[in-house]
Amino acid sequence: MSFMRGDLLTKTRKLVKGLAIAEPIWLRAMEKNPPATFPRDDGKVPVLVLPEDRYVRKFFKLYPDSLYHDAVDLRSFNPPPARVFAWRVLELKDQGVSEEEAMAIADMEYRAEKKSKKAAYTRLKQIARLQGKRPPPNPFPSAIKQIQAEERKYVRERFTNPEVLEIAKKMKEQKAVDMQNRSRGGAGARFGGGYRFGGGAFGNLIGGFGGGR
């Protein structure tokens, strides 16, 4: 139905022109001051490209393991190392440093920071051992170890949670019942059908003993 297409003003004009409705009192006022029209998109979402994205990709080519070992906390405002590396390269380039030298400096700073974090945690463990205490958790965990630490409590919970233990008990009982049913069914199929003798000389011989004269 063509009269249903368009905005409110267009639809009302069509309905009034077709004598479907009486002319509203606000129609002429709206015609003098039509509502604003906003451009419609074509349904394609543009791809956002940031200036540092190029150097982020280069960082991951140099350190592919960073995707898995450098934790990215979505709740934190701290950027990941790849983004820090790219920002540092752009900062050095703005200062007049060439791209190759800027990447070398940013790479050196990334290595130094990573080494300092590792040395700091090693020192923390040494202090804890000297004090006879348990070593503290790593303040700079990798993404894999962080996920494992979050999942560890759920892995241990299966041995203590009463609901999980009850489910496991029911599964064991059901498995035992299924095994008994299978063993009984196999025995019935083996012995319940009796013995059958086929054709041939042996079958005719046995049939001769069972038949009459």
N, C-alpha and C. Protein backbone atom coordinates (compact mmCIF):
# COMPACT_ATOMS: atom_id res chain seq x y z
N MET A 1 0.85 -1.19 0.00
CA MET A 1 0.00 0.00 0.00
C MET A 1 0.88 1.23 0.00
N SER A 2 0.75 2.03 -1.06
CA SER A 2 1.64 3.17 -1.24
C SER A 2 1.39 4.27 -0.22
N PHE A 3 0.14 4.37 0.30
CA PHE A 3 -0.15 5.46 1.24
C PHE A 3 0.51 5.23 2.60
N MET A 4 1.06 4.03 2.84
CA MET A 4 1.72 3.75 4.10
C MET A 4 3.21 4.05 4.06
N ARG A 5 3.71 4.47 2.90
CA ARG A 5 5.13 4.77 2.78
C ARG A 5 5.39 6.23 3.10
N GLY A 6 6.59 6.51 3.58
CA GLY A 6 6.97 7.88 3.87
C GLY A 6 6.83 8.22 5.34
N ASP A 7 7.09 9.50 5.66
CA ASP A 7 6.99 9.95 7.04
C ASP A 7 5.56 10.34 7.37
N LEU A 8 5.37 10.90 8.56
CA LEU A 8 4.03 11.24 9.02
C LEU A 8 3.37 12.27 8.11
N LEU A 9 4.13 13.26 7.68
CA LEU A 9 3.56 14.31 6.83
C LEU A 9 3.13 13.74 5.48
N THR A 10 3.96 12.92 4.89
CA THR A 10 3.63 12.33 3.58
C THR A 10 2.42 11.41 3.68
N LYS A 11 2.37 10.58 4.72
CA LYS A 11 1.24 9.67 4.90
C LYS A 11 -0.07 10.44 5.09
N THR A 12 0.00 11.49 5.91
CA THR A 12 -1.23 12.26 6.17
C THR A 12 -1.71 12.95 4.91
N ARG A 13 -0.81 13.49 4.11
CA ARG A 13 -1.21 14.12 2.85
C ARG A 13 -1.93 13.13 1.95
N LYS A 14 -1.40 11.93 1.85
CA LYS A 14 -2.01 10.92 0.98
C LYS A 14 -3.39 10.52 1.48
N LEU A 15 -3.52 10.37 2.79
CA LEU A 15 -4.82 9.98 3.35
C LEU A 15 -5.86 11.09 3.17
N VAL A 16 -5.44 12.35 3.34
CA VAL A 16 -6.37 13.47 3.15
C VAL A 16 -6.75 13.60 1.69
N LYS A 17 -5.78 13.45 0.81
CA LYS A 17 -6.05 13.55 -0.62
C LYS A 17 -6.96 12.43 -1.10
N GLY A 18 -6.84 11.26 -0.52
CA GLY A 18 -7.69 10.14 -0.90
C GLY A 18 -9.01 10.11 -0.15
N LEU A 19 -9.30 11.17 0.62
CA LEU A 19 -10.55 11.30 1.38
C LEU A 19 -10.72 10.16 2.38
N ALA A 20 -9.59 9.63 2.85
CA ALA A 20 -9.67 8.57 3.85
C ALA A 20 -9.88 9.14 5.24
N ILE A 21 -9.33 10.33 5.49
CA ILE A 21 -9.51 11.01 6.78
C ILE A 21 -9.75 12.48 6.52
N ALA A 22 -10.29 13.15 7.53
CA ALA A 22 -10.46 14.61 7.44
C ALA A 22 -9.11 15.28 7.66
N GLU A 23 -8.97 16.46 7.14
CA GLU A 23 -7.69 17.17 7.26
C GLU A 23 -7.46 17.57 8.72
N PRO A 24 -6.36 17.12 9.33
CA PRO A 24 -6.09 17.50 10.72
C PRO A 24 -5.77 18.99 10.81
N ILE A 25 -6.00 19.54 11.99
CA ILE A 25 -5.77 20.97 12.17
C ILE A 25 -4.28 21.30 12.17
N TRP A 26 -3.45 20.31 12.41
CA TRP A 26 -2.01 20.57 12.49
C TRP A 26 -1.30 20.34 11.16
N LEU A 27 -2.04 19.92 10.12
CA LEU A 27 -1.38 19.56 8.86
C LEU A 27 -0.74 20.77 8.20
N ARG A 28 -1.47 21.89 8.11
CA ARG A 28 -0.91 23.06 7.43
C ARG A 28 0.27 23.64 8.20
N ALA A 29 0.19 23.58 9.54
CA ALA A 29 1.32 24.07 10.34
C ALA A 29 2.56 23.19 10.12
N MET A 30 2.34 21.89 10.00
CA MET A 30 3.47 21.00 9.75
C MET A 30 4.03 21.19 8.35
N GLU A 31 3.15 21.51 7.39
CA GLU A 31 3.64 21.76 6.03
C GLU A 31 4.52 23.00 5.97
N LYS A 32 4.19 24.01 6.80
CA LYS A 32 5.02 25.21 6.83
C LYS A 32 6.34 24.96 7.56
N ASN A 33 6.31 24.09 8.55
CA ASN A 33 7.51 23.75 9.32
C ASN A 33 7.67 22.23 9.36
N PRO A 34 8.11 21.64 8.26
CA PRO A 34 8.21 20.18 8.22
C PRO A 34 9.28 19.67 9.19
N PRO A 35 9.12 18.46 9.70
CA PRO A 35 10.12 17.90 10.62
C PRO A 35 11.45 17.66 9.92
N ALA A 36 12.48 17.67 10.71
CA ALA A 36 13.82 17.46 10.15
C ALA A 36 13.97 16.03 9.65
N THR A 37 14.64 15.90 8.55
CA THR A 37 14.92 14.58 7.97
C THR A 37 16.40 14.28 8.13
N PHE A 38 16.68 13.08 8.58
CA PHE A 38 18.06 12.66 8.81
C PHE A 38 18.48 11.68 7.72
N PRO A 39 19.69 11.79 7.25
CA PRO A 39 20.15 10.86 6.21
C PRO A 39 20.23 9.44 6.75
N ARG A 40 19.87 8.51 5.92
CA ARG A 40 19.93 7.10 6.30
C ARG A 40 21.20 6.46 5.76
N ASP A 41 21.74 5.55 6.57
CA ASP A 41 22.95 4.87 6.11
C ASP A 41 22.56 3.72 5.17
N ASP A 42 23.56 3.21 4.50
CA ASP A 42 23.33 2.12 3.55
C ASP A 42 23.45 0.75 4.19
N GLY A 43 23.52 0.71 5.52
CA GLY A 43 23.62 -0.57 6.22
C GLY A 43 25.03 -1.08 6.39
N LYS A 44 26.02 -0.38 5.87
CA LYS A 44 27.41 -0.80 5.98
C LYS A 44 28.08 -0.03 7.11
N VAL A 45 28.67 -0.77 8.02
CA VAL A 45 29.36 -0.15 9.15
C VAL A 45 30.79 0.16 8.73
N PRO A 46 31.19 1.42 8.79
CA PRO A 46 32.56 1.74 8.37
C PRO A 46 33.59 1.16 9.34
N VAL A 47 34.71 0.77 8.80
CA VAL A 47 35.79 0.20 9.60
C VAL A 47 36.61 1.34 10.20
N LEU A 48 36.75 1.31 11.51
CA LEU A 48 37.53 2.33 12.19
C LEU A 48 39.01 1.97 12.10
N VAL A 49 39.78 2.87 11.59
CA VAL A 49 41.23 2.67 11.46
C VAL A 49 41.92 3.76 12.25
N LEU A 50 42.70 3.35 13.24
CA LEU A 50 43.44 4.30 14.07
C LEU A 50 44.87 4.43 13.55
N PRO A 51 45.52 5.54 13.82
CA PRO A 51 46.89 5.73 13.30
C PRO A 51 47.87 4.68 13.80
N GLU A 52 47.64 4.16 15.01
CA GLU A 52 48.60 3.21 15.58
C GLU A 52 48.34 1.76 15.20
N ASP A 53 47.25 1.49 14.48
CA ASP A 53 46.92 0.10 14.14
C ASP A 53 48.03 -0.57 13.33
N ARG A 54 48.67 0.19 12.49
CA ARG A 54 49.74 -0.36 11.65
C ARG A 54 50.89 -0.89 12.50
N TYR A 55 51.23 -0.17 13.54
CA TYR A 55 52.34 -0.58 14.40
C TYR A 55 51.90 -1.66 15.40
N VAL A 56 50.62 -1.71 15.70
CA VAL A 56 50.12 -2.80 16.53
C VAL A 56 50.29 -4.13 15.79
N ARG A 57 49.97 -4.13 14.50
CA ARG A 57 50.15 -5.36 13.71
C ARG A 57 51.63 -5.75 13.62
N LYS A 58 52.50 -4.76 13.49
CA LYS A 58 53.93 -5.06 13.45
C LYS A 58 54.41 -5.61 14.79
N PHE A 59 53.84 -5.11 15.87
CA PHE A 59 54.23 -5.62 17.19
C PHE A 59 53.86 -7.10 17.32
N PHE A 60 52.67 -7.46 16.87
CA PHE A 60 52.25 -8.86 16.98
C PHE A 60 53.04 -9.76 16.03
N LYS A 61 53.57 -9.20 14.96
CA LYS A 61 54.46 -9.99 14.11
C LYS A 61 55.79 -10.27 14.82
N LEU A 62 56.26 -9.28 15.58
CA LEU A 62 57.50 -9.47 16.34
C LEU A 62 57.29 -10.38 17.54
N TYR A 63 56.15 -10.22 18.20
CA TYR A 63 55.85 -10.98 19.42
C TYR A 63 54.47 -11.63 19.29
N PRO A 64 54.35 -12.71 18.54
CA PRO A 64 53.03 -13.35 18.39
C PRO A 64 52.50 -13.94 19.69
N ASP A 65 53.41 -14.32 20.61
CA ASP A 65 52.96 -14.88 21.88
C ASP A 65 52.31 -13.84 22.78
N SER A 66 52.48 -12.58 22.45
CA SER A 66 51.87 -11.53 23.28
C SER A 66 50.35 -11.60 23.25
N LEU A 67 49.79 -12.18 22.19
CA LEU A 67 48.34 -12.33 22.13
C LEU A 67 47.82 -13.21 23.25
N TYR A 68 48.65 -14.14 23.74
CA TYR A 68 48.20 -15.10 24.74
C TYR A 68 48.82 -14.86 26.12
N HIS A 69 49.99 -14.22 26.16
CA HIS A 69 50.69 -14.07 27.44
C HIS A 69 50.50 -12.71 28.08
N ASP A 70 50.13 -11.71 27.32
CA ASP A 70 49.89 -10.38 27.88
C ASP A 70 48.40 -10.23 28.15
N ALA A 71 48.05 -10.22 29.42
CA ALA A 71 46.63 -10.17 29.79
C ALA A 71 46.02 -8.84 29.40
N VAL A 72 44.79 -8.90 28.89
CA VAL A 72 44.03 -7.70 28.53
C VAL A 72 42.79 -7.68 29.41
N ASP A 73 42.75 -6.75 30.34
CA ASP A 73 41.61 -6.63 31.25
C ASP A 73 40.65 -5.60 30.67
N LEU A 74 39.47 -6.06 30.26
CA LEU A 74 38.49 -5.15 29.66
C LEU A 74 37.93 -4.15 30.67
N ARG A 75 38.06 -4.46 31.95
CA ARG A 75 37.57 -3.55 32.98
C ARG A 75 38.60 -2.49 33.36
N SER A 76 39.79 -2.61 32.84
CA SER A 76 40.87 -1.69 33.20
C SER A 76 41.07 -0.66 32.10
N PHE A 77 41.61 0.49 32.50
CA PHE A 77 41.94 1.54 31.54
C PHE A 77 43.39 1.45 31.07
N ASN A 78 44.11 0.45 31.55
CA ASN A 78 45.50 0.28 31.14
C ASN A 78 45.55 -0.36 29.76
N PRO A 79 46.20 0.27 28.80
CA PRO A 79 46.24 -0.30 27.44
C PRO A 79 47.15 -1.52 27.39
N PRO A 80 46.94 -2.42 26.44
CA PRO A 80 47.82 -3.59 26.30
C PRO A 80 49.19 -3.17 25.79
N PRO A 81 50.19 -4.02 25.95
CA PRO A 81 51.55 -3.66 25.51
C PRO A 81 51.65 -3.31 24.03
N ALA A 82 50.86 -3.96 23.19
CA ALA A 82 50.93 -3.66 21.76
C ALA A 82 50.51 -2.22 21.49
N ARG A 83 49.49 -1.76 22.18
CA ARG A 83 49.02 -0.39 21.99
C ARG A 83 50.04 0.61 22.54
N VAL A 84 50.67 0.28 23.67
CA VAL A 84 51.70 1.16 24.24
C VAL A 84 52.88 1.26 23.28
N PHE A 85 53.25 0.12 22.70
CA PHE A 85 54.35 0.10 21.73
C PHE A 85 54.03 1.01 20.54
N ALA A 86 52.83 0.90 20.02
CA ALA A 86 52.44 1.70 18.85
C ALA A 86 52.40 3.19 19.19
N TRP A 87 51.87 3.52 20.36
CA TRP A 87 51.83 4.93 20.76
C TRP A 87 53.24 5.50 20.92
N ARG A 88 54.13 4.69 21.44
CA ARG A 88 55.51 5.15 21.62
C ARG A 88 56.18 5.41 20.28
N VAL A 89 55.91 4.56 19.30
CA VAL A 89 56.48 4.76 17.96
C VAL A 89 55.95 6.07 17.36
N LEU A 90 54.66 6.31 17.49
CA LEU A 90 54.09 7.56 16.95
C LEU A 90 54.65 8.78 17.68
N GLU A 91 54.85 8.65 18.98
CA GLU A 91 55.41 9.77 19.74
C GLU A 91 56.83 10.10 19.29
N LEU A 92 57.63 9.06 19.07
CA LEU A 92 59.00 9.29 18.62
C LEU A 92 59.04 9.84 17.20
N LYS A 93 58.13 9.39 16.36
CA LYS A 93 58.08 9.92 14.99
C LYS A 93 57.69 11.39 14.98
N ASP A 94 56.80 11.79 15.89
CA ASP A 94 56.44 13.20 15.98
C ASP A 94 57.62 14.06 16.42
N GLN A 95 58.57 13.44 17.12
CA GLN A 95 59.76 14.17 17.57
C GLN A 95 60.86 14.20 16.51
N GLY A 96 60.59 13.63 15.34
CA GLY A 96 61.55 13.67 14.26
C GLY A 96 62.40 12.43 14.11
N VAL A 97 62.12 11.39 14.88
CA VAL A 97 62.88 10.14 14.78
C VAL A 97 62.33 9.33 13.61
N SER A 98 63.22 8.66 12.91
CA SER A 98 62.77 7.83 11.79
C SER A 98 61.96 6.64 12.29
N GLU A 99 61.20 6.05 11.39
CA GLU A 99 60.33 4.94 11.78
C GLU A 99 61.12 3.74 12.27
N GLU A 100 62.21 3.42 11.60
CA GLU A 100 63.01 2.26 11.99
C GLU A 100 63.62 2.46 13.38
N GLU A 101 64.16 3.65 13.63
CA GLU A 101 64.75 3.92 14.94
C GLU A 101 63.67 3.98 16.02
N ALA A 102 62.52 4.53 15.68
CA ALA A 102 61.43 4.62 16.66
C ALA A 102 60.96 3.22 17.07
N MET A 103 60.85 2.32 16.11
CA MET A 103 60.44 0.96 16.44
C MET A 103 61.51 0.25 17.26
N ALA A 104 62.78 0.52 16.97
CA ALA A 104 63.86 -0.10 17.73
C ALA A 104 63.84 0.39 19.18
N ILE A 105 63.61 1.69 19.37
CA ILE A 105 63.57 2.23 20.74
C ILE A 105 62.37 1.68 21.50
N ALA A 106 61.21 1.65 20.85
CA ALA A 106 60.01 1.12 21.50
C ALA A 106 60.18 -0.35 21.84
N ASP A 107 60.84 -1.09 20.96
CA ASP A 107 61.09 -2.51 21.21
C ASP A 107 62.03 -2.69 22.40
N MET A 108 63.06 -1.86 22.47
CA MET A 108 64.00 -1.94 23.59
C MET A 108 63.30 -1.62 24.91
N GLU A 109 62.44 -0.62 24.90
CA GLU A 109 61.71 -0.26 26.13
C GLU A 109 60.75 -1.37 26.54
N TYR A 110 60.11 -2.02 25.57
CA TYR A 110 59.19 -3.12 25.89
C TYR A 110 59.95 -4.28 26.51
N ARG A 111 61.11 -4.63 25.94
CA ARG A 111 61.91 -5.72 26.49
C ARG A 111 62.39 -5.38 27.91
N ALA A 112 62.82 -4.13 28.11
CA ALA A 112 63.32 -3.73 29.42
C ALA A 112 62.20 -3.78 30.47
N GLU A 113 61.01 -3.33 30.10
CA GLU A 113 59.89 -3.37 31.05
C GLU A 113 59.50 -4.80 31.39
N LYS A 114 59.49 -5.66 30.38
CA LYS A 114 59.14 -7.06 30.62
C LYS A 114 60.18 -7.73 31.52
N LYS A 115 61.45 -7.40 31.29
CA LYS A 115 62.52 -7.97 32.10
C LYS A 115 62.46 -7.46 33.53
N SER A 116 62.13 -6.19 33.71
CA SER A 116 62.04 -5.63 35.05
C SER A 116 60.88 -6.24 35.84
N LYS A 117 59.75 -6.51 35.16
CA LYS A 117 58.62 -7.15 35.84
C LYS A 117 59.00 -8.56 36.30
N LYS A 118 59.70 -9.28 35.45
CA LYS A 118 60.12 -10.63 35.81
C LYS A 118 61.10 -10.61 36.97
N ALA A 119 62.03 -9.64 36.95
CA ALA A 119 63.00 -9.54 38.04
C ALA A 119 62.31 -9.14 39.35
N ALA A 120 61.31 -8.27 39.26
CA ALA A 120 60.60 -7.85 40.47
C ALA A 120 59.86 -9.02 41.11
N TYR A 121 59.23 -9.86 40.31
CA TYR A 121 58.52 -11.01 40.87
C TYR A 121 59.50 -12.03 41.44
N THR A 122 60.64 -12.19 40.79
CA THR A 122 61.67 -13.09 41.32
C THR A 122 62.15 -12.61 42.68
N ARG A 123 62.31 -11.30 42.81
CA ARG A 123 62.74 -10.74 44.09
C ARG A 123 61.67 -10.93 45.16
N LEU A 124 60.40 -10.78 44.80
CA LEU A 124 59.32 -11.01 45.76
C LEU A 124 59.32 -12.45 46.27
N LYS A 125 59.56 -13.40 45.38
CA LYS A 125 59.59 -14.80 45.80
C LYS A 125 60.78 -15.07 46.71
N GLN A 126 61.92 -14.45 46.43
CA GLN A 126 63.08 -14.63 47.29
C GLN A 126 62.83 -14.08 48.69
N ILE A 127 62.20 -12.92 48.77
CA ILE A 127 61.90 -12.33 50.08
C ILE A 127 60.92 -13.21 50.85
N ALA A 128 59.92 -13.76 50.14
CA ALA A 128 58.94 -14.63 50.81
C ALA A 128 59.61 -15.90 51.34
N ARG A 129 60.54 -16.47 50.58
CA ARG A 129 61.24 -17.67 51.05
C ARG A 129 62.11 -17.37 52.25
N LEU A 130 62.76 -16.21 52.25
CA LEU A 130 63.60 -15.83 53.40
C LEU A 130 62.76 -15.64 54.66
N GLN A 131 61.55 -15.16 54.49
CA GLN A 131 60.65 -14.95 55.62
C GLN A 131 59.87 -16.20 55.99
N GLY A 132 60.06 -17.27 55.23
CA GLY A 132 59.35 -18.51 55.51
C GLY A 132 57.88 -18.46 55.15
N LYS A 133 57.53 -17.61 54.21
CA LYS A 133 56.14 -17.47 53.80
C LYS A 133 55.94 -18.07 52.41
N ARG A 134 54.69 -18.22 52.09
CA ARG A 134 54.35 -18.73 50.76
C ARG A 134 54.55 -17.61 49.74
N PRO A 135 55.14 -17.91 48.57
CA PRO A 135 55.35 -16.86 47.57
C PRO A 135 54.03 -16.23 47.14
N PRO A 136 54.00 -14.92 46.99
CA PRO A 136 52.75 -14.25 46.59
C PRO A 136 52.44 -14.55 45.12
N PRO A 137 51.19 -14.35 44.72
CA PRO A 137 50.85 -14.54 43.30
C PRO A 137 51.54 -13.50 42.43
N ASN A 138 51.75 -13.87 41.21
CA ASN A 138 52.44 -12.97 40.27
C ASN A 138 51.57 -11.75 40.00
N PRO A 139 52.07 -10.54 40.30
CA PRO A 139 51.25 -9.34 40.02
C PRO A 139 51.13 -9.03 38.53
N PHE A 140 51.94 -9.70 37.72
CA PHE A 140 51.88 -9.50 36.27
C PHE A 140 51.65 -10.85 35.58
N PRO A 141 50.49 -11.48 35.80
CA PRO A 141 50.28 -12.82 35.23
C PRO A 141 50.01 -12.75 33.73
N SER A 142 50.31 -13.84 33.06
CA SER A 142 49.97 -13.94 31.65
C SER A 142 48.48 -14.22 31.52
N ALA A 143 47.95 -14.02 30.32
CA ALA A 143 46.52 -14.23 30.11
C ALA A 143 46.13 -15.67 30.37
N ILE A 144 46.99 -16.61 29.97
CA ILE A 144 46.69 -18.03 30.15
C ILE A 144 46.65 -18.38 31.63
N LYS A 145 47.66 -17.93 32.39
CA LYS A 145 47.70 -18.24 33.81
C LYS A 145 46.58 -17.54 34.57
N GLN A 146 46.19 -16.37 34.11
CA GLN A 146 45.09 -15.66 34.77
C GLN A 146 43.78 -16.42 34.58
N ILE A 147 43.55 -16.94 33.38
CA ILE A 147 42.34 -17.73 33.13
C ILE A 147 42.37 -19.02 33.93
N GLN A 148 43.55 -19.66 34.00
CA GLN A 148 43.66 -20.89 34.78
C GLN A 148 43.40 -20.65 36.25
N ALA A 149 43.86 -19.50 36.77
CA ALA A 149 43.62 -19.18 38.18
C ALA A 149 42.13 -18.98 38.45
N GLU A 150 41.42 -18.38 37.50
CA GLU A 150 39.98 -18.17 37.67
C GLU A 150 39.22 -19.49 37.58
N GLU A 151 39.70 -20.42 36.77
CA GLU A 151 39.00 -21.69 36.59
C GLU A 151 39.37 -22.72 37.65
N ARG A 152 40.47 -22.49 38.37
CA ARG A 152 40.94 -23.49 39.33
C ARG A 152 39.92 -23.74 40.44
N LYS A 153 39.24 -22.69 40.88
CA LYS A 153 38.27 -22.88 41.96
C LYS A 153 37.10 -23.74 41.52
N TYR A 154 36.73 -23.63 40.23
CA TYR A 154 35.63 -24.47 39.74
C TYR A 154 36.08 -25.91 39.55
N VAL A 155 37.35 -26.11 39.22
CA VAL A 155 37.87 -27.48 39.10
C VAL A 155 37.90 -28.16 40.46
N ARG A 156 38.32 -27.43 41.48
CA ARG A 156 38.37 -28.01 42.82
C ARG A 156 36.98 -28.18 43.42
N GLU A 157 36.04 -27.37 42.98
CA GLU A 157 34.70 -27.42 43.55
C GLU A 157 33.99 -28.73 43.25
N ARG A 158 34.37 -29.41 42.19
CA ARG A 158 33.68 -30.65 41.84
C ARG A 158 33.92 -31.76 42.85
N PHE A 159 34.97 -31.62 43.70
CA PHE A 159 35.25 -32.63 44.70
C PHE A 159 34.59 -32.32 46.04
N THR A 160 34.05 -31.12 46.21
CA THR A 160 33.47 -30.73 47.49
C THR A 160 32.02 -30.26 47.40
N ASN A 161 31.57 -29.86 46.23
CA ASN A 161 30.21 -29.34 46.08
C ASN A 161 29.21 -30.49 46.22
N PRO A 162 28.26 -30.42 47.17
CA PRO A 162 27.30 -31.53 47.34
C PRO A 162 26.45 -31.77 46.10
N GLU A 163 26.07 -30.72 45.40
CA GLU A 163 25.24 -30.91 44.21
C GLU A 163 26.00 -31.66 43.12
N VAL A 164 27.27 -31.30 42.94
CA VAL A 164 28.09 -32.00 41.95
C VAL A 164 28.30 -33.45 42.35
N LEU A 165 28.53 -33.70 43.64
CA LEU A 165 28.73 -35.07 44.11
C LEU A 165 27.46 -35.90 43.93
N GLU A 166 26.30 -35.28 44.16
CA GLU A 166 25.03 -36.00 43.98
C GLU A 166 24.80 -36.36 42.51
N ILE A 167 25.13 -35.43 41.62
CA ILE A 167 24.99 -35.71 40.19
C ILE A 167 25.93 -36.84 39.77
N ALA A 168 27.17 -36.80 40.28
CA ALA A 168 28.13 -37.85 39.94
C ALA A 168 27.67 -39.21 40.47
N LYS A 169 27.06 -39.21 41.67
CA LYS A 169 26.56 -40.46 42.24
C LYS A 169 25.44 -41.05 41.38
N LYS A 170 24.52 -40.19 40.94
CA LYS A 170 23.42 -40.67 40.10
C LYS A 170 23.93 -41.18 38.76
N MET A 171 24.94 -40.52 38.22
CA MET A 171 25.51 -40.97 36.95
C MET A 171 26.17 -42.34 37.11
N LYS A 172 26.85 -42.57 38.23
CA LYS A 172 27.46 -43.88 38.47
C LYS A 172 26.40 -44.96 38.62
N GLU A 173 25.32 -44.65 39.35
CA GLU A 173 24.25 -45.63 39.52
C GLU A 173 23.60 -45.97 38.18
N GLN A 174 23.36 -44.95 37.37
CA GLN A 174 22.76 -45.18 36.06
C GLN A 174 23.68 -46.00 35.17
N LYS A 175 24.97 -45.73 35.27
CA LYS A 175 25.92 -46.49 34.47
C LYS A 175 25.95 -47.95 34.89
N ALA A 176 25.86 -48.20 36.22
CA ALA A 176 25.85 -49.58 36.70
C ALA A 176 24.60 -50.31 36.23
N VAL A 177 23.45 -49.62 36.25
CA VAL A 177 22.21 -50.25 35.77
C VAL A 177 22.31 -50.57 34.29
N ASP A 178 22.87 -49.65 33.51
CA ASP A 178 23.02 -49.90 32.08
C ASP A 178 23.94 -51.08 31.81
N MET A 179 24.99 -51.21 32.59
CA MET A 179 25.90 -52.34 32.40
C MET A 179 25.22 -53.66 32.73
N GLN A 180 24.38 -53.67 33.79
CA GLN A 180 23.65 -54.90 34.13
C GLN A 180 22.65 -55.27 33.04
N ASN A 181 21.96 -54.26 32.51
CA ASN A 181 20.99 -54.55 31.44
C ASN A 181 21.69 -55.09 30.20
N ARG A 182 22.85 -54.55 29.90
CA ARG A 182 23.58 -55.04 28.74
C ARG A 182 24.04 -56.48 28.93
N SER A 183 24.53 -56.77 30.16
CA SER A 183 25.00 -58.14 30.41
C SER A 183 23.85 -59.13 30.37
N ARG A 184 22.68 -58.75 30.90
CA ARG A 184 21.52 -59.65 30.85
C ARG A 184 21.03 -59.83 29.42
N GLY A 185 21.01 -58.76 28.67
CA GLY A 185 20.57 -58.86 27.29
C GLY A 185 21.50 -59.72 26.46
N GLY A 186 22.79 -59.64 26.72
CA GLY A 186 23.74 -60.47 25.98
C GLY A 186 23.60 -61.93 26.32
N ALA A 187 23.34 -62.23 27.61
CA ALA A 187 23.18 -63.63 28.01
C ALA A 187 21.91 -64.21 27.42
N GLY A 188 20.82 -63.42 27.38
CA GLY A 188 19.57 -63.92 26.80
C GLY A 188 19.70 -64.20 25.32
N ALA A 189 20.44 -63.35 24.64
CA ALA A 189 20.62 -63.57 23.21
C ALA A 189 21.49 -64.79 22.94
N ARG A 190 22.40 -65.09 23.92
CA ARG A 190 23.31 -66.21 23.71
C ARG A 190 22.65 -67.56 24.01
N PHE A 191 21.87 -67.63 25.12
CA PHE A 191 21.33 -68.92 25.56
C PHE A 191 19.83 -69.04 25.38
N GLY A 192 19.12 -67.95 25.24
CA GLY A 192 17.66 -68.04 25.19
C GLY A 192 17.13 -68.55 23.87
N GLY A 193 17.88 -68.42 22.82
CA GLY A 193 17.36 -68.80 21.51
C GLY A 193 17.52 -70.28 21.21
N GLY A 194 18.24 -71.04 22.04
CA GLY A 194 18.46 -72.45 21.77
C GLY A 194 19.45 -72.64 20.63
N TYR A 195 19.57 -73.89 20.18
CA TYR A 195 20.49 -74.22 19.10
C TYR A 195 19.69 -74.53 17.85
N ARG A 196 20.17 -74.08 16.76
CA ARG A 196 19.53 -74.34 15.48
C ARG A 196 20.51 -75.08 14.58
N PHE A 197 19.96 -76.00 13.83
CA PHE A 197 20.79 -76.77 12.92
C PHE A 197 20.39 -76.41 11.51
N GLY A 198 21.37 -76.09 10.74
CA GLY A 198 21.09 -75.70 9.37
C GLY A 198 20.94 -76.90 8.46
N GLY A 199 21.00 -76.61 7.19
CA GLY A 199 20.85 -77.68 6.21
C GLY A 199 22.13 -78.47 6.03
N GLY A 200 22.22 -79.20 5.02
CA GLY A 200 23.40 -79.99 4.75
C GLY A 200 23.27 -81.39 5.32
N ALA A 201 24.36 -82.16 5.23
CA ALA A 201 24.34 -83.56 5.68
C ALA A 201 24.13 -83.66 7.17
N PHE A 202 24.80 -82.74 7.96
CA PHE A 202 24.66 -82.82 9.41
C PHE A 202 23.24 -82.48 9.83
N GLY A 203 22.63 -81.50 9.18
CA GLY A 203 21.26 -81.14 9.51
C GLY A 203 20.29 -82.25 9.16
N ASN A 204 20.50 -82.91 8.05
CA ASN A 204 19.62 -84.02 7.67
C ASN A 204 19.76 -85.20 8.62
N LEU A 205 21.02 -85.38 9.10
CA LEU A 205 21.24 -86.48 10.03
C LEU A 205 20.51 -86.25 11.34
N ILE A 206 20.61 -85.03 11.88
CA ILE A 206 19.91 -84.73 13.13
C ILE A 206 18.41 -84.78 12.92
N GLY A 207 17.95 -84.32 11.78
CA GLY A 207 16.52 -84.37 11.50
C GLY A 207 16.01 -85.79 11.40
N GLY A 208 16.86 -86.70 10.94
CA GLY A 208 16.45 -88.10 10.85
C GLY A 208 16.22 -88.73 12.20
N PHE A 209 17.04 -88.31 13.21
CA PHE A 209 16.84 -88.84 14.56
C PHE A 209 15.54 -88.34 15.16
N GLY A 210 15.15 -87.13 14.81
CA GLY A 210 13.95 -86.57 15.44
C GLY A 210 12.68 -86.98 14.73
N GLY A 211 12.75 -87.40 13.48
CA GLY A 211 11.53 -87.71 12.75
C GLY A 211 11.04 -89.13 13.00
N GLY A 212 9.88 -89.41 12.51
CA GLY A 212 9.30 -90.76 12.67
C GLY A 212 9.79 -91.68 11.57
N ARG A 213 9.10 -92.76 11.44
CA ARG A 213 9.46 -93.73 10.42
C ARG A 213 9.04 -93.23 9.05
